[in-house]
């Protein structure tokens, strides 16, 4: 099943975003990643597709 991310996906998406940042040699900042994703969701400026098995 594929769907657009919502607040219930915040922890998982933030973890994935933090790993993405680390891949590009940024320091780990899970709290900051979660805050960033949450703000984007609140302003409806975030579109991320999630997959569930």
PDB file of N, CA and C in Angstrom:
ATOM      1  N   UNK A   1       0.843  -1.172   0.000  1.00  0.00           N
ATOM      2  CA  UNK A   1       0.000   0.000   0.000  1.00  0.00           C
ATOM      3  C   UNK A   1       0.893   1.241   0.000  1.00  0.00           C
ATOM      4  N   UNK A   2       0.584   2.181  -0.835  1.00  0.00           N
ATOM      5  CA  UNK A   2       1.337   3.435  -0.926  1.00  0.00           C
ATOM      6  C   UNK A   2       0.387   4.570  -0.578  1.00  0.00           C
ATOM      7  N   UNK A   3       0.865   5.512   0.243  1.00  0.00           N
ATOM      8  CA  UNK A   3       0.021   6.636   0.660  1.00  0.00           C
ATOM      9  C   UNK A   3       0.879   7.846   0.979  1.00  0.00           C
ATOM     10  N   UNK A   4       0.245   9.011   1.075  1.00  0.00           N
ATOM     11  CA  UNK A   4       0.960  10.234   1.432  1.00  0.00           C
ATOM     12  C   UNK A   4       1.184  10.264   2.936  1.00  0.00           C
ATOM     13  N   UNK A   5       2.361  10.657   3.337  1.00  0.00           N
ATOM     14  CA  UNK A   5       2.721  10.694   4.760  1.00  0.00           C
ATOM     15  C   UNK A   5       1.820  11.651   5.530  1.00  0.00           C
ATOM     16  N   UNK A   6       1.540  11.283   6.782  1.00  0.00           N
ATOM     17  CA  UNK A   6       0.748  12.108   7.686  1.00  0.00           C
ATOM     18  C   UNK A   6       1.490  12.210   9.019  1.00  0.00           C
ATOM     19  N   UNK A   7       0.857  12.859   9.995  1.00  0.00           N
ATOM     20  CA  UNK A   7       1.490  13.013  11.309  1.00  0.00           C
ATOM     21  C   UNK A   7       1.823  11.673  11.952  1.00  0.00           C
ATOM     22  N   UNK A   8       1.034  10.639  11.686  1.00  0.00           N
ATOM     23  CA  UNK A   8       1.329   9.332  12.299  1.00  0.00           C
ATOM     24  C   UNK A   8       2.639   8.739  11.777  1.00  0.00           C
ATOM     25  N   UNK A   9       3.113   9.248  10.655  1.00  0.00           N
ATOM     26  CA  UNK A   9       4.363   8.772  10.064  1.00  0.00           C
ATOM     27  C   UNK A   9       5.564   9.627  10.457  1.00  0.00           C
ATOM     28  N   UNK A  10       5.350  10.625  11.292  1.00  0.00           N
ATOM     29  CA  UNK A  10       6.381  11.613  11.611  1.00  0.00           C
ATOM     30  C   UNK A  10       7.693  10.990  12.080  1.00  0.00           C
ATOM     31  N   UNK A  11       7.637  10.070  13.019  1.00  0.00           N
ATOM     32  CA  UNK A  11       8.878   9.472  13.543  1.00  0.00           C
ATOM     33  C   UNK A  11       9.658   8.732  12.459  1.00  0.00           C
ATOM     34  N   UNK A  12       8.972   7.929  11.673  1.00  0.00           N
ATOM     35  CA  UNK A  12       9.641   7.173  10.621  1.00  0.00           C
ATOM     36  C   UNK A  12      10.216   8.066   9.533  1.00  0.00           C
ATOM     37  N   UNK A  13       9.449   9.063   9.123  1.00  0.00           N
ATOM     38  CA  UNK A  13       9.919   9.974   8.073  1.00  0.00           C
ATOM     39  C   UNK A  13      11.091  10.807   8.584  1.00  0.00           C
ATOM     40  N   UNK A  14      11.017  11.252   9.829  1.00  0.00           N
ATOM     41  CA  UNK A  14      12.111  12.040  10.406  1.00  0.00           C
ATOM     42  C   UNK A  14      13.391  11.209  10.486  1.00  0.00           C
ATOM     43  N   UNK A  15      13.261   9.951  10.857  1.00  0.00           N
ATOM     44  CA  UNK A  15      14.427   9.058  10.909  1.00  0.00           C
ATOM     45  C   UNK A  15      15.026   8.901   9.517  1.00  0.00           C
ATOM     46  N   UNK A  16      14.184   8.684   8.529  1.00  0.00           N
ATOM     47  CA  UNK A  16      14.661   8.545   7.154  1.00  0.00           C
ATOM     48  C   UNK A  16      15.337   9.828   6.678  1.00  0.00           C
ATOM     49  N   UNK A  17      14.745  10.989   6.985  1.00  0.00           N
ATOM     50  CA  UNK A  17      15.322  12.267   6.595  1.00  0.00           C
ATOM     51  C   UNK A  17      16.666  12.490   7.276  1.00  0.00           C
ATOM     52  N   UNK A  18      16.776  12.101   8.542  1.00  0.00           N
ATOM     53  CA  UNK A  18      18.043  12.231   9.257  1.00  0.00           C
ATOM     54  C   UNK A  18      19.116  11.348   8.614  1.00  0.00           C
ATOM     55  N   UNK A  19      18.753  10.141   8.231  1.00  0.00           N
ATOM     56  CA  UNK A  19      19.702   9.255   7.549  1.00  0.00           C
ATOM     57  C   UNK A  19      20.122   9.835   6.201  1.00  0.00           C
ATOM     58  N   UNK A  20      19.194  10.448   5.509  1.00  0.00           N
ATOM     59  CA  UNK A  20      19.493  11.122   4.234  1.00  0.00           C
ATOM     60  C   UNK A  20      20.538  12.223   4.451  1.00  0.00           C
ATOM     61  N   UNK A  21      20.338  13.030   5.490  1.00  0.00           N
ATOM     62  CA  UNK A  21      21.286  14.102   5.818  1.00  0.00           C
ATOM     63  C   UNK A  21      22.664  13.529   6.132  1.00  0.00           C
ATOM     64  N   UNK A  22      22.677  12.449   6.896  1.00  0.00           N
ATOM     65  CA  UNK A  22      23.946  11.836   7.276  1.00  0.00           C
ATOM     66  C   UNK A  22      24.671  11.266   6.057  1.00  0.00           C
ATOM     67  N   UNK A  23      23.929  10.754   5.088  1.00  0.00           N
ATOM     68  CA  UNK A  23      24.536  10.255   3.862  1.00  0.00           C
ATOM     69  C   UNK A  23      25.319  11.368   3.168  1.00  0.00           C
ATOM     70  N   UNK A  24      24.796  12.588   3.259  1.00  0.00           N
ATOM     71  CA  UNK A  24      25.467  13.739   2.656  1.00  0.00           C
ATOM     72  C   UNK A  24      26.390  14.447   3.652  1.00  0.00           C
ATOM     73  N   UNK A  25      26.887  13.654   4.621  1.00  0.00           N
ATOM     74  CA  UNK A  25      27.919  14.056   5.570  1.00  0.00           C
ATOM     75  C   UNK A  25      27.521  15.200   6.501  1.00  0.00           C
ATOM     76  N   UNK A  26      26.233  15.291   6.813  1.00  0.00           N
ATOM     77  CA  UNK A  26      25.760  16.217   7.835  1.00  0.00           C
ATOM     78  C   UNK A  26      25.723  15.464   9.160  1.00  0.00           C
ATOM     79  N   UNK A  27      25.837  16.179  10.250  1.00  0.00           N
ATOM     80  CA  UNK A  27      25.766  15.534  11.558  1.00  0.00           C
ATOM     81  C   UNK A  27      24.355  15.037  11.825  1.00  0.00           C
ATOM     82  N   UNK A  28      24.259  13.958  12.578  1.00  0.00           N
ATOM     83  CA  UNK A  28      22.954  13.434  12.960  1.00  0.00           C
ATOM     84  C   UNK A  28      22.238  14.450  13.838  1.00  0.00           C
ATOM     85  N   UNK A  29      20.972  14.705  13.529  1.00  0.00           N
ATOM     86  CA  UNK A  29      20.154  15.619  14.319  1.00  0.00           C
ATOM     87  C   UNK A  29      18.694  15.180  14.184  1.00  0.00           C
ATOM     88  N   UNK A  30      18.354  14.093  14.865  1.00  0.00           N
ATOM     89  CA  UNK A  30      17.020  13.534  14.760  1.00  0.00           C
ATOM     90  C   UNK A  30      15.964  14.505  15.281  1.00  0.00           C
ATOM     91  N   UNK A  31      16.271  15.202  16.364  1.00  0.00           N
ATOM     92  CA  UNK A  31      15.322  16.175  16.911  1.00  0.00           C
ATOM     93  C   UNK A  31      15.054  17.288  15.888  1.00  0.00           C
ATOM     94  N   UNK A  32      16.103  17.796  15.268  1.00  0.00           N
ATOM     95  CA  UNK A  32      15.957  18.834  14.255  1.00  0.00           C
ATOM     96  C   UNK A  32      15.219  18.331  13.033  1.00  0.00           C
ATOM     97  N   UNK A  33      15.500  17.094  12.616  1.00  0.00           N
ATOM     98  CA  UNK A  33      14.820  16.510  11.459  1.00  0.00           C
ATOM     99  C   UNK A  33      13.330  16.365  11.740  1.00  0.00           C
ATOM    100  N   UNK A  34      13.005  15.927  12.939  1.00  0.00           N
ATOM    101  CA  UNK A  34      11.596  15.766  13.314  1.00  0.00           C
ATOM    102  C   UNK A  34      10.888  17.117  13.340  1.00  0.00           C
ATOM    103  N   UNK A  35      11.544  18.113  13.884  1.00  0.00           N
ATOM    104  CA  UNK A  35      10.976  19.458  13.928  1.00  0.00           C
ATOM    105  C   UNK A  35      10.744  20.006  12.520  1.00  0.00           C
ATOM    106  N   UNK A  36      11.712  19.794  11.638  1.00  0.00           N
ATOM    107  CA  UNK A  36      11.610  20.263  10.254  1.00  0.00           C
ATOM    108  C   UNK A  36      10.431  19.592   9.537  1.00  0.00           C
ATOM    109  N   UNK A  37      10.337  18.279   9.634  1.00  0.00           N
ATOM    110  CA  UNK A  37       9.263  17.550   8.963  1.00  0.00           C
ATOM    111  C   UNK A  37       7.908  17.961   9.540  1.00  0.00           C
ATOM    112  N   UNK A  38       7.834  18.122  10.854  1.00  0.00           N
ATOM    113  CA  UNK A  38       6.577  18.527  11.499  1.00  0.00           C
ATOM    114  C   UNK A  38       6.124  19.891  10.992  1.00  0.00           C
ATOM    115  N   UNK A  39       7.053  20.847  10.898  1.00  0.00           N
ATOM    116  CA  UNK A  39       6.693  22.180  10.380  1.00  0.00           C
ATOM    117  C   UNK A  39       6.211  22.098   8.945  1.00  0.00           C
ATOM    118  N   UNK A  40       6.866  21.271   8.140  1.00  0.00           N
ATOM    119  CA  UNK A  40       6.453  21.119   6.739  1.00  0.00           C
ATOM    120  C   UNK A  40       5.054  20.502   6.643  1.00  0.00           C
ATOM    121  N   UNK A  41       4.758  19.537   7.492  1.00  0.00           N
ATOM    122  CA  UNK A  41       3.425  18.938   7.504  1.00  0.00           C
ATOM    123  C   UNK A  41       2.374  19.964   7.930  1.00  0.00           C
ATOM    124  N   UNK A  42       2.694  20.755   8.943  1.00  0.00           N
ATOM    125  CA  UNK A  42       1.750  21.774   9.436  1.00  0.00           C
ATOM    126  C   UNK A  42       1.411  22.793   8.352  1.00  0.00           C
ATOM    127  N   UNK A  43       2.400  23.162   7.555  1.00  0.00           N
ATOM    128  CA  UNK A  43       2.191  24.168   6.512  1.00  0.00           C
ATOM    129  C   UNK A  43       1.757  23.553   5.183  1.00  0.00           C
ATOM    130  N   UNK A  44       1.559  22.224   5.219  1.00  0.00           N
ATOM    131  CA  UNK A  44       1.153  21.485   4.014  1.00  0.00           C
ATOM    132  C   UNK A  44       2.122  21.709   2.854  1.00  0.00           C
ATOM    133  N   UNK A  45       3.396  21.823   3.192  1.00  0.00           N
ATOM    134  CA  UNK A  45       4.455  21.997   2.196  1.00  0.00           C
ATOM    135  C   UNK A  45       5.335  20.758   2.119  1.00  0.00           C
ATOM    136  N   UNK A  46       4.736  19.659   2.452  1.00  0.00           N
ATOM    137  CA  UNK A  46       5.505  18.426   2.493  1.00  0.00           C
ATOM    138  C   UNK A  46       4.732  17.335   1.796  1.00  0.00           C
ATOM    139  N   UNK A  47       5.372  16.705   0.873  1.00  0.00           N
ATOM    140  CA  UNK A  47       4.744  15.577   0.187  1.00  0.00           C
ATOM    141  C   UNK A  47       5.743  14.436   0.188  1.00  0.00           C
ATOM    142  N   UNK A  48       5.445  13.446   0.955  1.00  0.00           N
ATOM    143  CA  UNK A  48       6.303  12.278   1.009  1.00  0.00           C
ATOM    144  C   UNK A  48       5.418  11.062   0.875  1.00  0.00           C
ATOM    145  N   UNK A  49       5.823  10.166   0.066  1.00  0.00           N
ATOM    146  CA  UNK A  49       5.053   8.954  -0.144  1.00  0.00           C
ATOM    147  C   UNK A  49       5.618   7.848   0.740  1.00  0.00           C
ATOM    148  N   UNK A  50       4.728   7.173   1.439  1.00  0.00           N
ATOM    149  CA  UNK A  50       5.120   6.059   2.313  1.00  0.00           C
ATOM    150  C   UNK A  50       4.605   4.762   1.727  1.00  0.00           C
ATOM    151  N   UNK A  51       5.300   3.714   2.051  1.00  0.00           N
ATOM    152  CA  UNK A  51       4.887   2.386   1.615  1.00  0.00           C
ATOM    153  C   UNK A  51       4.761   1.506   2.833  1.00  0.00           C
ATOM    154  N   UNK A  52       3.742   0.688   2.828  1.00  0.00           N
ATOM    155  CA  UNK A  52       3.505  -0.205   3.951  1.00  0.00           C
ATOM    156  C   UNK A  52       3.288  -1.601   3.402  1.00  0.00           C
ATOM    157  N   UNK A  53       3.919  -2.591   4.038  1.00  0.00           N
ATOM    158  CA  UNK A  53       3.727  -3.974   3.606  1.00  0.00           C
ATOM    159  C   UNK A  53       2.566  -4.584   4.312  1.00  0.00           C
TER     160      UNK A  53
END
